[in-house]
Protein backbone atom coordinates (compact mmCIF):
# COMPACT_ATOMS: atom_id res chain seq x y z
CA MET A 1 0.00 0.00 0.00
CA PRO A 2 1.50 3.37 -0.97
CA ARG A 3 2.62 5.58 1.90
CA TYR A 4 3.17 9.33 1.71
CA LEU A 5 4.99 11.72 4.00
CA ILE A 6 3.12 15.01 4.40
CA VAL A 7 5.15 17.98 5.66
CA ALA A 8 2.89 20.79 6.85
CA HIS A 9 2.12 23.01 9.80
CA ARG A 10 -0.41 25.80 9.34
CA THR A 11 -1.77 24.24 6.14
CA LEU A 12 -2.34 20.80 7.66
CA GLY A 13 -6.01 19.92 7.28
CA GLY A 14 -6.60 22.77 4.83
CA ALA A 15 -8.86 22.36 1.79
CA ARG A 16 -6.08 22.15 -0.85
CA LEU A 17 -4.16 19.45 1.00
CA MET A 18 -7.28 17.47 1.84
CA GLU A 19 -8.46 17.54 -1.80
CA HIS A 20 -5.11 16.14 -2.89
CA VAL A 21 -5.10 13.44 -0.21
CA LYS A 22 -8.65 12.41 -1.14
CA ALA A 23 -7.61 12.16 -4.80
CA LEU A 24 -4.69 9.89 -3.86
CA ARG A 25 -7.02 7.74 -1.78
CA ALA A 26 -9.55 7.58 -4.64
CA ALA A 27 -6.80 6.09 -6.82
CA GLY A 28 -6.35 3.23 -4.35
CA PRO A 29 -5.66 2.44 -0.71
CA CYS A 30 -2.81 4.46 0.78
CA ARG A 31 -1.45 5.71 4.11
CA PHE A 32 -0.03 9.00 5.29
CA HIS A 33 2.53 10.06 7.86
CA LEU A 34 2.09 13.67 8.98
CA LEU A 35 5.22 15.59 9.89
CA VAL A 36 4.65 18.92 11.63
CA PRO A 37 7.87 20.90 12.07
CA VAL A 38 7.76 23.23 15.06
CA GLU A 39 7.59 26.95 14.32
CA HIS A 40 9.57 29.57 16.17
CA PRO A 41 7.36 32.67 16.22
CA MET A 42 8.59 36.23 16.35
CA GLY A 43 9.28 37.51 19.86
CA ALA A 44 9.76 35.50 23.01
CA TRP A 45 8.87 31.81 23.07
CA SER A 46 9.79 28.68 24.96
CA ASP A 47 10.51 25.20 23.65
CA GLY A 48 7.43 24.00 25.54
CA GLU A 49 5.23 26.54 23.78
CA VAL A 50 6.41 25.69 20.26
CA GLN A 51 6.18 21.96 20.99
CA ALA A 52 2.62 22.36 22.32
CA THR A 53 1.57 24.41 19.28
CA ALA A 54 2.98 21.77 16.92
CA ARG A 55 1.28 18.97 18.89
CA ARG A 56 -2.06 20.79 18.61
CA ALA A 57 -1.56 21.21 14.85
CA LEU A 58 -0.67 17.52 14.52
CA GLN A 59 -3.67 16.40 16.56
CA ALA A 60 -6.01 18.64 14.55
CA GLY A 61 -4.57 17.16 11.35
CA LEU A 62 -4.95 13.60 12.59
CA ASP A 63 -8.53 14.37 13.64
CA ARG A 64 -9.28 15.83 10.19
CA PHE A 65 -7.84 12.77 8.44
CA ASN A 66 -9.79 10.50 10.78
CA GLU A 67 -13.04 12.38 9.96
CA GLU A 68 -12.42 11.55 6.32
CA ARG A 69 -11.51 7.94 7.19
CA ILE A 70 -8.00 8.41 5.84
CA ILE A 71 -5.29 6.28 7.44
CA ALA A 72 -2.68 8.54 9.03
CA ASP A 73 -0.20 8.74 11.87
CA GLY A 74 2.28 11.46 12.59
CA GLU A 75 4.85 13.29 14.63
CA ILE A 76 6.29 16.72 15.27
CA GLY A 77 9.75 17.52 14.00
CA ASP A 78 12.58 20.00 13.96
CA ALA A 79 11.91 23.62 12.95
CA ASN A 80 14.03 23.04 9.83
CA PRO A 81 11.66 21.03 7.60
CA VAL A 82 14.51 19.71 5.42
CA TYR A 83 16.29 18.31 8.48
CA ALA A 84 13.00 17.04 9.96
CA VAL A 85 12.31 15.04 6.78
CA GLY A 86 15.83 13.60 6.95
CA VAL A 87 15.23 12.39 10.51
CA VAL A 88 12.10 10.55 9.39
CA LEU A 89 13.76 9.07 6.29
CA ARG A 90 16.80 7.88 8.24
CA ARG A 91 14.57 6.23 10.85
CA GLU A 92 12.00 4.72 8.46
CA GLY A 93 14.32 3.93 5.57
CA LYS A 94 14.68 5.68 2.25
CA ASP A 95 12.12 3.41 0.58
CA ALA A 96 9.47 3.77 3.30
CA PHE A 97 7.55 6.45 1.38
CA ASP A 98 6.28 6.61 -2.17
CA GLY A 99 6.44 10.38 -2.11
CA ILE A 100 6.64 13.51 -0.02
CA ILE A 101 3.94 16.17 -0.07
CA LEU A 102 5.16 19.59 1.03
CA SER A 103 2.24 21.87 1.89
CA THR A 104 3.03 25.56 2.28
CA LEU A 105 1.34 28.88 2.65
CA PRO A 106 1.34 31.08 -0.48
CA PRO A 107 4.36 33.20 -1.40
CA GLY A 108 4.55 36.16 0.95
CA PRO A 109 3.32 34.63 4.19
CA SER A 110 5.26 31.37 3.63
CA ARG A 111 8.47 31.24 5.63
CA TRP A 112 9.32 27.91 4.01
CA LEU A 113 9.17 29.35 0.49
CA HIS A 114 11.32 32.29 1.60
CA LEU A 115 13.89 29.79 2.90
CA ASP A 116 13.72 27.79 -0.38
CA VAL A 117 12.72 24.62 1.44
CA LEU A 118 11.32 22.96 -1.69
CA SER A 119 14.55 23.26 -3.70
CA ARG A 120 16.67 22.29 -0.72
CA MET A 121 14.49 19.25 -0.06
CA ARG A 122 14.67 18.14 -3.70
CA LYS A 123 18.46 18.51 -3.67
CA GLU A 124 18.84 16.65 -0.36
CA TYR A 125 16.44 13.80 -1.26
CA PRO A 126 16.67 13.36 -5.05
CA ASP A 127 15.47 9.75 -5.03
CA ILE A 128 11.98 10.49 -3.76
CA GLU A 129 9.26 12.42 -5.58
CA ILE A 130 8.38 15.66 -3.80
CA GLU A 131 5.11 17.34 -4.62
CA HIS A 132 4.49 20.93 -3.58
CA LEU A 133 1.00 22.14 -2.70
CA VAL A 134 0.33 25.81 -2.06
CA SER A 135 -2.59 26.48 0.22
CA GLU A 136 -4.92 29.30 -0.67
CA GLU A 137 -5.71 29.58 3.00
CA HIS A 138 -3.64 31.50 5.49
CA LEU A 139 -4.41 29.66 8.70
CA PRO A 140 -3.24 31.32 11.92
CA ALA A 141 -0.48 29.54 13.82
CA HIS A 142 -2.92 28.55 16.55
CA ALA A 143 -5.63 27.32 14.15
CA ALA A 144 -7.21 23.98 14.83
CA VAL A 145 -6.86 22.90 11.17
C-alpha cells in the first residue's frame, strides 16, 4: 500500500491538501505520515510553547484525516523542515515512502518558500518524488486545522 509523507504546519487539514489526499485515496488504498515541524514565532517563546503548538496542529490534522476515514499517523519535527524530513527518512528507511507532499502557505506569508525549502528538499532527497502544494488559505499559527 503506498505511503506518503506530508510535511505541513499551518496548512495541515486545509482544503487544498485534503483535496489532494482524497484524490490519492480515490486512486487506491494508501497511508499517510504527517510531519509537523515546530515553528519559532517572532518575539519571546519557549521550547514548551512551540512543541505544544505543533502537537495541537498535529492532533487537529490527525482528527481531520480520521473524519475523512483516511489512514494517518504522525509526529512533530525540527523547525528546519529539510532536516525534519531527513530524521524521518533515516529512521524509516529511504524506501518507506512513495512520495513527499510539502504543503506551504502562499508566497509572501510562507516562511518555508522564503527559505527555499522545496529546492533544498529536492536537492537533499533526489530519489523520492516531492510534490508541492500551495494552500490558498492563510491559517493562523494557533488554528485547529
